[in-house]
């Protein structure tokens, strides 16, 4: 996906086994999709916890936050419970979403990429941040993108 592209419609359950009401969200709320490599790793845990801590900032922009990795629902549930995450996590173990969003792998194709997409209320991608090492940059970028677009 590139800036200006429409967000694809998806149907996934969250870490608690409940369907994410994506058809209701898309086109009515801003959405942050953050793709990350793996639950419980230092960089991913830090990123997930900063999204948790900044969640009220995202709510001010009428925004849903959705984390995506190829970990299992069971791993996501444990990750979410351990760190009290207050947003949806999607288990993309077949990497369908990564392919749909064109999220590249890193480190010679061995590690799933860390990419954040900002989707506006019209369902259009208005921002993309791709950085494996700057996990805090994803949150700063997403909030700045929402602010700059007056969303």
N, C-alpha and C. Protein backbone atom coordinates (compact mmCIF):
# COMPACT_ATOMS: atom_id res chain seq x y z
N UNK A 1 0.85 -1.17 0.00
CA UNK A 1 0.00 0.00 0.00
C UNK A 1 0.90 1.24 0.00
N UNK A 2 0.43 2.25 -0.71
CA UNK A 2 1.14 3.52 -0.80
C UNK A 2 0.22 4.63 -0.29
N UNK A 3 0.82 5.77 0.01
CA UNK A 3 0.02 6.93 0.41
C UNK A 3 -0.93 7.26 -0.74
N UNK A 4 -2.19 7.48 -0.40
CA UNK A 4 -3.22 7.77 -1.38
C UNK A 4 -4.05 6.55 -1.76
N UNK A 5 -3.57 5.35 -1.40
CA UNK A 5 -4.32 4.12 -1.71
C UNK A 5 -5.44 3.91 -0.70
N UNK A 6 -6.54 3.30 -1.14
CA UNK A 6 -7.61 2.95 -0.19
C UNK A 6 -7.17 1.76 0.66
N UNK A 7 -7.61 1.77 1.89
CA UNK A 7 -7.32 0.66 2.79
C UNK A 7 -8.18 -0.54 2.39
N UNK A 8 -7.57 -1.70 2.27
CA UNK A 8 -8.37 -2.88 1.93
C UNK A 8 -9.31 -3.26 3.08
N UNK A 9 -10.45 -3.82 2.74
CA UNK A 9 -11.37 -4.31 3.77
C UNK A 9 -10.85 -5.65 4.25
N UNK A 10 -10.88 -5.84 5.55
CA UNK A 10 -10.37 -7.07 6.12
C UNK A 10 -11.40 -7.65 7.09
N UNK A 11 -11.21 -8.90 7.46
CA UNK A 11 -12.06 -9.55 8.46
C UNK A 11 -11.16 -10.43 9.32
N UNK A 12 -10.90 -9.98 10.54
CA UNK A 12 -10.05 -10.72 11.46
C UNK A 12 -10.62 -10.63 12.87
N UNK A 13 -10.29 -11.63 13.68
CA UNK A 13 -10.62 -11.59 15.10
C UNK A 13 -9.45 -10.94 15.84
N UNK A 14 -9.75 -10.37 17.00
CA UNK A 14 -8.68 -9.79 17.82
C UNK A 14 -8.10 -10.86 18.75
N UNK A 15 -7.25 -10.44 19.65
CA UNK A 15 -6.55 -11.36 20.55
C UNK A 15 -7.49 -12.08 21.51
N UNK A 16 -8.72 -11.60 21.66
CA UNK A 16 -9.69 -12.22 22.54
C UNK A 16 -10.68 -13.10 21.76
N UNK A 17 -10.41 -13.28 20.47
CA UNK A 17 -11.28 -14.13 19.65
C UNK A 17 -12.54 -13.44 19.19
N UNK A 18 -12.62 -12.13 19.36
CA UNK A 18 -13.81 -11.38 18.94
C UNK A 18 -13.53 -10.70 17.61
N UNK A 19 -14.52 -10.71 16.71
CA UNK A 19 -14.32 -10.04 15.42
C UNK A 19 -14.09 -8.55 15.60
N UNK A 20 -13.12 -8.03 14.87
CA UNK A 20 -12.90 -6.59 14.86
C UNK A 20 -13.96 -6.01 13.93
N UNK A 21 -14.75 -5.04 14.39
CA UNK A 21 -15.83 -4.50 13.55
C UNK A 21 -15.28 -3.59 12.45
N UNK A 22 -14.48 -4.18 11.58
CA UNK A 22 -13.75 -3.38 10.61
C UNK A 22 -14.66 -2.63 9.65
N UNK A 23 -15.77 -3.24 9.23
CA UNK A 23 -16.68 -2.55 8.32
C UNK A 23 -17.28 -1.30 8.96
N UNK A 24 -17.43 -1.32 10.27
CA UNK A 24 -17.94 -0.15 10.99
C UNK A 24 -16.84 0.89 11.18
N UNK A 25 -15.61 0.43 11.37
CA UNK A 25 -14.50 1.34 11.63
C UNK A 25 -14.05 2.05 10.35
N UNK A 26 -13.85 1.28 9.29
CA UNK A 26 -13.35 1.84 8.03
C UNK A 26 -14.36 2.84 7.47
N UNK A 27 -13.91 4.03 7.27
CA UNK A 27 -14.78 5.08 6.73
C UNK A 27 -15.46 5.91 7.79
N UNK A 28 -15.31 5.52 9.07
CA UNK A 28 -15.92 6.33 10.14
C UNK A 28 -14.91 6.76 11.20
N UNK A 29 -13.78 6.06 11.26
CA UNK A 29 -12.73 6.40 12.22
C UNK A 29 -11.39 6.42 11.50
N UNK A 30 -10.44 7.12 12.08
CA UNK A 30 -9.05 7.00 11.63
C UNK A 30 -8.52 5.68 12.18
N UNK A 31 -7.57 5.10 11.48
CA UNK A 31 -7.03 3.80 11.89
C UNK A 31 -5.51 3.85 11.81
N UNK A 32 -4.88 3.30 12.84
CA UNK A 32 -3.44 3.07 12.82
C UNK A 32 -3.23 1.57 12.78
N UNK A 33 -2.61 1.09 11.72
CA UNK A 33 -2.15 -0.30 11.65
C UNK A 33 -0.66 -0.27 11.91
N UNK A 34 -0.21 -0.94 12.98
CA UNK A 34 1.24 -1.04 13.15
C UNK A 34 1.64 -2.51 13.09
N UNK A 35 2.45 -2.81 12.10
CA UNK A 35 2.98 -4.15 11.89
C UNK A 35 4.30 -4.24 12.64
N UNK A 36 4.46 -5.28 13.41
CA UNK A 36 5.69 -5.46 14.18
C UNK A 36 6.14 -6.92 14.09
N UNK A 37 7.42 -7.18 14.34
CA UNK A 37 7.95 -8.53 14.12
C UNK A 37 7.46 -9.62 15.09
N UNK A 38 7.52 -9.38 16.42
CA UNK A 38 7.27 -10.51 17.32
C UNK A 38 6.93 -10.03 18.73
N UNK A 39 5.91 -10.68 19.31
CA UNK A 39 5.54 -10.42 20.70
C UNK A 39 6.69 -10.74 21.65
N UNK A 40 6.75 -10.00 22.72
CA UNK A 40 7.68 -10.21 23.84
C UNK A 40 9.15 -9.94 23.52
N UNK A 41 9.47 -9.42 22.34
CA UNK A 41 10.84 -9.01 22.07
C UNK A 41 10.99 -7.57 22.58
N UNK A 42 12.21 -7.16 22.93
CA UNK A 42 12.38 -5.84 23.55
C UNK A 42 11.81 -4.67 22.74
N UNK A 43 12.16 -4.56 21.46
CA UNK A 43 11.68 -3.44 20.64
C UNK A 43 10.18 -3.47 20.43
N UNK A 44 9.64 -4.66 20.21
CA UNK A 44 8.20 -4.78 19.97
C UNK A 44 7.40 -4.52 21.24
N UNK A 45 7.92 -4.99 22.38
CA UNK A 45 7.25 -4.73 23.65
C UNK A 45 7.24 -3.24 23.94
N UNK A 46 8.37 -2.59 23.71
CA UNK A 46 8.46 -1.15 23.93
C UNK A 46 7.45 -0.41 23.04
N UNK A 47 7.41 -0.76 21.76
CA UNK A 47 6.48 -0.12 20.84
C UNK A 47 5.04 -0.34 21.26
N UNK A 48 4.68 -1.57 21.59
CA UNK A 48 3.31 -1.89 22.00
C UNK A 48 2.91 -1.11 23.25
N UNK A 49 3.83 -1.00 24.19
CA UNK A 49 3.54 -0.28 25.43
C UNK A 49 3.42 1.23 25.22
N UNK A 50 4.19 1.78 24.30
CA UNK A 50 4.05 3.21 24.00
C UNK A 50 2.71 3.47 23.30
N UNK A 51 2.30 2.59 22.39
CA UNK A 51 0.96 2.74 21.79
C UNK A 51 -0.09 2.67 22.90
N UNK A 52 0.08 1.78 23.86
CA UNK A 52 -0.85 1.69 24.99
C UNK A 52 -0.87 3.00 25.78
N UNK A 53 0.31 3.49 26.11
CA UNK A 53 0.41 4.70 26.93
C UNK A 53 -0.10 5.94 26.21
N UNK A 54 -0.01 5.97 24.91
CA UNK A 54 -0.46 7.12 24.12
C UNK A 54 -1.87 6.92 23.55
N UNK A 55 -2.54 5.86 23.96
CA UNK A 55 -3.85 5.53 23.38
C UNK A 55 -4.85 6.68 23.51
N UNK A 56 -4.85 7.36 24.64
CA UNK A 56 -5.79 8.48 24.79
C UNK A 56 -5.49 9.60 23.80
N UNK A 57 -4.21 9.78 23.44
CA UNK A 57 -3.87 10.76 22.41
C UNK A 57 -4.49 10.36 21.07
N UNK A 58 -4.47 9.06 20.77
CA UNK A 58 -5.08 8.59 19.52
C UNK A 58 -6.60 8.72 19.57
N UNK A 59 -7.19 8.48 20.73
CA UNK A 59 -8.64 8.62 20.88
C UNK A 59 -9.10 10.05 20.59
N UNK A 60 -8.25 11.04 20.91
CA UNK A 60 -8.60 12.44 20.63
C UNK A 60 -8.78 12.67 19.13
N UNK A 61 -8.15 11.83 18.34
CA UNK A 61 -8.28 11.92 16.87
C UNK A 61 -9.30 10.91 16.34
N UNK A 62 -10.14 10.38 17.23
CA UNK A 62 -11.16 9.40 16.83
C UNK A 62 -10.50 8.26 16.05
N UNK A 63 -9.52 7.64 16.68
CA UNK A 63 -8.64 6.70 16.00
C UNK A 63 -8.62 5.34 16.68
N UNK A 64 -8.70 4.29 15.88
CA UNK A 64 -8.51 2.92 16.35
C UNK A 64 -7.06 2.53 16.10
N UNK A 65 -6.47 1.85 17.07
CA UNK A 65 -5.11 1.33 16.93
C UNK A 65 -5.20 -0.18 16.80
N UNK A 66 -4.52 -0.72 15.79
CA UNK A 66 -4.53 -2.17 15.55
C UNK A 66 -3.10 -2.63 15.33
N UNK A 67 -2.62 -3.51 16.20
CA UNK A 67 -1.29 -4.09 16.05
C UNK A 67 -1.38 -5.41 15.30
N UNK A 68 -0.38 -5.67 14.45
CA UNK A 68 -0.38 -6.87 13.62
C UNK A 68 0.98 -7.54 13.66
N UNK A 69 0.99 -8.81 13.99
CA UNK A 69 2.21 -9.63 13.85
C UNK A 69 1.78 -11.04 13.48
N UNK A 70 2.75 -11.87 13.15
CA UNK A 70 2.42 -13.24 12.74
C UNK A 70 2.35 -14.19 13.93
N UNK A 71 2.39 -13.66 15.15
CA UNK A 71 2.22 -14.49 16.34
C UNK A 71 0.79 -15.04 16.39
N UNK A 72 0.60 -16.09 17.15
CA UNK A 72 -0.72 -16.74 17.29
C UNK A 72 -1.66 -15.88 18.15
N UNK A 73 -2.95 -16.20 18.08
CA UNK A 73 -3.93 -15.51 18.93
C UNK A 73 -3.59 -15.75 20.40
N UNK A 74 -3.16 -16.96 20.72
CA UNK A 74 -2.79 -17.29 22.11
C UNK A 74 -1.63 -16.41 22.57
N UNK A 75 -0.63 -16.24 21.73
CA UNK A 75 0.51 -15.38 22.06
C UNK A 75 0.06 -13.93 22.20
N UNK A 76 -0.82 -13.49 21.29
CA UNK A 76 -1.34 -12.12 21.37
C UNK A 76 -2.13 -11.90 22.67
N UNK A 77 -2.93 -12.88 23.03
CA UNK A 77 -3.72 -12.76 24.26
C UNK A 77 -2.78 -12.63 25.47
N UNK A 78 -1.75 -13.46 25.50
CA UNK A 78 -0.77 -13.40 26.60
C UNK A 78 -0.03 -12.06 26.60
N UNK A 79 0.40 -11.62 25.42
CA UNK A 79 1.10 -10.34 25.27
C UNK A 79 0.22 -9.19 25.74
N UNK A 80 -1.04 -9.21 25.29
CA UNK A 80 -2.00 -8.17 25.65
C UNK A 80 -2.27 -8.18 27.15
N UNK A 81 -2.47 -9.35 27.73
CA UNK A 81 -2.75 -9.46 29.16
C UNK A 81 -1.54 -9.05 30.00
N UNK A 82 -0.36 -9.48 29.59
CA UNK A 82 0.86 -9.17 30.34
C UNK A 82 1.12 -7.68 30.41
N UNK A 83 0.87 -6.97 29.30
CA UNK A 83 1.19 -5.55 29.23
C UNK A 83 -0.04 -4.64 29.23
N UNK A 84 -1.21 -5.23 29.54
CA UNK A 84 -2.46 -4.46 29.63
C UNK A 84 -2.69 -3.60 28.39
N UNK A 85 -2.57 -4.22 27.23
CA UNK A 85 -2.76 -3.48 25.97
C UNK A 85 -4.23 -3.17 25.79
N UNK A 86 -4.54 -1.96 25.36
CA UNK A 86 -5.90 -1.46 25.28
C UNK A 86 -6.38 -1.25 23.84
N UNK A 87 -5.89 -2.07 22.94
CA UNK A 87 -6.27 -1.99 21.53
C UNK A 87 -6.23 -3.39 20.93
N UNK A 88 -6.70 -3.49 19.69
CA UNK A 88 -6.77 -4.79 19.01
C UNK A 88 -5.39 -5.26 18.55
N UNK A 89 -5.19 -6.58 18.63
CA UNK A 89 -4.04 -7.23 18.00
C UNK A 89 -4.58 -8.28 17.03
N UNK A 90 -3.96 -8.35 15.87
CA UNK A 90 -4.35 -9.34 14.86
C UNK A 90 -3.23 -10.35 14.69
N UNK A 91 -3.62 -11.63 14.75
CA UNK A 91 -2.69 -12.73 14.49
C UNK A 91 -2.68 -12.99 12.98
N UNK A 92 -1.62 -12.58 12.35
CA UNK A 92 -1.48 -12.71 10.90
C UNK A 92 -0.47 -13.82 10.58
N UNK A 93 -0.75 -15.02 11.13
CA UNK A 93 0.23 -16.10 11.02
C UNK A 93 0.46 -16.59 9.59
N UNK A 94 -0.47 -16.34 8.70
CA UNK A 94 -0.26 -16.70 7.28
C UNK A 94 0.26 -15.51 6.47
N UNK A 95 0.49 -14.40 7.16
CA UNK A 95 1.03 -13.17 6.58
C UNK A 95 0.18 -12.62 5.43
N UNK A 96 -1.12 -12.85 5.50
CA UNK A 96 -2.03 -12.31 4.48
C UNK A 96 -2.08 -10.79 4.53
N UNK A 97 -2.14 -10.23 5.75
CA UNK A 97 -2.18 -8.77 5.86
C UNK A 97 -0.86 -8.15 5.44
N UNK A 98 0.25 -8.76 5.81
CA UNK A 98 1.56 -8.25 5.40
C UNK A 98 1.63 -8.18 3.88
N UNK A 99 1.13 -9.19 3.21
CA UNK A 99 1.15 -9.20 1.74
C UNK A 99 0.19 -8.15 1.19
N UNK A 100 -0.99 -8.05 1.78
CA UNK A 100 -2.00 -7.10 1.32
C UNK A 100 -1.51 -5.65 1.46
N UNK A 101 -0.78 -5.37 2.53
CA UNK A 101 -0.26 -4.03 2.78
C UNK A 101 1.14 -3.83 2.20
N UNK A 102 1.72 -4.88 1.64
CA UNK A 102 3.07 -4.84 1.05
C UNK A 102 4.12 -4.45 2.09
N UNK A 103 4.06 -5.10 3.24
CA UNK A 103 5.04 -4.85 4.30
C UNK A 103 6.28 -5.69 4.00
N UNK A 104 7.41 -5.04 3.77
CA UNK A 104 8.63 -5.78 3.43
C UNK A 104 9.25 -6.47 4.64
N UNK A 105 9.99 -7.52 4.36
CA UNK A 105 10.79 -8.17 5.41
C UNK A 105 12.13 -7.46 5.47
N UNK A 106 12.80 -7.60 6.61
CA UNK A 106 14.10 -6.97 6.82
C UNK A 106 15.16 -8.03 7.11
N UNK A 107 16.39 -7.56 7.21
CA UNK A 107 17.52 -8.44 7.51
C UNK A 107 17.55 -9.64 6.57
N UNK A 108 17.73 -9.34 5.29
CA UNK A 108 17.86 -10.36 4.24
C UNK A 108 16.60 -11.22 4.12
N UNK A 109 15.45 -10.63 4.42
CA UNK A 109 14.19 -11.35 4.28
C UNK A 109 13.87 -12.30 5.41
N UNK A 110 14.60 -12.21 6.51
CA UNK A 110 14.42 -13.14 7.61
C UNK A 110 13.47 -12.64 8.70
N UNK A 111 13.36 -11.33 8.86
CA UNK A 111 12.58 -10.75 9.95
C UNK A 111 11.41 -9.95 9.37
N UNK A 112 10.20 -10.22 9.89
CA UNK A 112 9.05 -9.42 9.43
C UNK A 112 9.29 -7.94 9.71
N UNK A 113 8.86 -7.09 8.80
CA UNK A 113 9.10 -5.66 8.92
C UNK A 113 8.27 -4.98 9.99
N UNK A 114 8.73 -3.79 10.36
CA UNK A 114 8.03 -2.93 11.31
C UNK A 114 7.58 -1.69 10.53
N UNK A 115 6.29 -1.63 10.20
CA UNK A 115 5.75 -0.54 9.39
C UNK A 115 4.42 -0.09 10.00
N UNK A 116 4.21 1.21 10.06
CA UNK A 116 2.96 1.78 10.56
C UNK A 116 2.25 2.51 9.42
N UNK A 117 0.95 2.25 9.31
CA UNK A 117 0.10 2.90 8.30
C UNK A 117 -0.94 3.75 9.01
N UNK A 118 -1.13 4.96 8.51
CA UNK A 118 -2.16 5.86 9.03
C UNK A 118 -3.25 5.95 7.98
N UNK A 119 -4.46 5.58 8.37
CA UNK A 119 -5.62 5.57 7.47
C UNK A 119 -6.61 6.61 7.97
N UNK A 120 -7.07 7.49 7.08
CA UNK A 120 -8.02 8.53 7.52
C UNK A 120 -9.45 8.01 7.52
N UNK A 121 -10.38 8.86 7.93
CA UNK A 121 -11.79 8.46 8.03
C UNK A 121 -12.43 8.16 6.68
N UNK A 122 -11.80 8.56 5.62
CA UNK A 122 -12.29 8.23 4.28
C UNK A 122 -11.77 6.87 3.82
N UNK A 123 -10.93 6.25 4.65
CA UNK A 123 -10.38 4.94 4.30
C UNK A 123 -9.16 5.01 3.41
N UNK A 124 -8.50 6.17 3.37
CA UNK A 124 -7.34 6.39 2.50
C UNK A 124 -6.07 6.44 3.34
N UNK A 125 -5.02 5.79 2.85
CA UNK A 125 -3.72 5.83 3.53
C UNK A 125 -3.12 7.22 3.38
N UNK A 126 -2.85 7.86 4.51
CA UNK A 126 -2.28 9.22 4.47
C UNK A 126 -0.86 9.26 5.04
N UNK A 127 -0.37 8.13 5.54
CA UNK A 127 0.97 8.12 6.08
C UNK A 127 1.52 6.71 6.26
N UNK A 128 2.83 6.58 6.04
CA UNK A 128 3.53 5.30 6.22
C UNK A 128 4.87 5.59 6.87
N UNK A 129 5.18 4.85 7.92
CA UNK A 129 6.46 4.96 8.59
C UNK A 129 7.08 3.58 8.66
N UNK A 130 8.29 3.43 8.10
CA UNK A 130 8.97 2.15 8.02
C UNK A 130 10.33 2.27 8.68
N UNK A 131 10.47 1.65 9.85
CA UNK A 131 11.76 1.66 10.55
C UNK A 131 11.82 0.49 11.50
N UNK A 132 12.82 -0.35 11.33
CA UNK A 132 12.99 -1.50 12.23
C UNK A 132 13.54 -1.07 13.59
N UNK A 133 14.40 -0.08 13.60
CA UNK A 133 15.10 0.22 14.84
C UNK A 133 14.49 1.37 15.64
N UNK A 134 13.66 2.18 15.05
CA UNK A 134 13.09 3.34 15.74
C UNK A 134 11.64 3.06 16.11
N UNK A 135 11.43 2.19 17.10
CA UNK A 135 10.06 1.82 17.46
C UNK A 135 9.27 3.02 18.00
N UNK A 136 9.90 3.92 18.74
CA UNK A 136 9.21 5.12 19.24
C UNK A 136 8.80 6.04 18.09
N UNK A 137 9.56 6.04 17.02
CA UNK A 137 9.25 6.89 15.88
C UNK A 137 7.91 6.59 15.25
N UNK A 138 7.45 5.35 15.37
CA UNK A 138 6.16 4.98 14.79
C UNK A 138 5.01 5.73 15.45
N UNK A 139 5.06 5.83 16.76
CA UNK A 139 4.00 6.51 17.50
C UNK A 139 4.06 8.01 17.22
N UNK A 140 5.26 8.59 17.29
CA UNK A 140 5.42 10.02 17.01
C UNK A 140 4.95 10.37 15.61
N UNK A 141 5.33 9.54 14.63
CA UNK A 141 4.94 9.79 13.25
C UNK A 141 3.42 9.72 13.11
N UNK A 142 2.81 8.68 13.66
CA UNK A 142 1.36 8.51 13.51
C UNK A 142 0.61 9.70 14.11
N UNK A 143 1.00 10.12 15.31
CA UNK A 143 0.32 11.26 15.93
C UNK A 143 0.54 12.54 15.13
N UNK A 144 1.78 12.75 14.65
CA UNK A 144 2.06 13.93 13.85
C UNK A 144 1.25 13.93 12.55
N UNK A 145 1.14 12.79 11.94
CA UNK A 145 0.37 12.66 10.70
C UNK A 145 -1.10 13.00 10.94
N UNK A 146 -1.66 12.53 12.04
CA UNK A 146 -3.04 12.85 12.38
C UNK A 146 -3.20 14.34 12.62
N UNK A 147 -2.25 14.94 13.36
CA UNK A 147 -2.31 16.38 13.65
C UNK A 147 -2.21 17.21 12.38
N UNK A 148 -1.23 16.87 11.52
CA UNK A 148 -1.01 17.65 10.30
C UNK A 148 -2.20 17.57 9.34
N UNK A 149 -2.93 16.49 9.40
CA UNK A 149 -4.08 16.33 8.51
C UNK A 149 -5.38 16.75 9.19
N UNK A 150 -5.26 17.38 10.36
CA UNK A 150 -6.42 17.88 11.10
C UNK A 150 -7.49 16.83 11.28
N UNK A 151 -7.06 15.65 11.66
CA UNK A 151 -8.01 14.56 11.80
C UNK A 151 -8.39 14.40 13.25
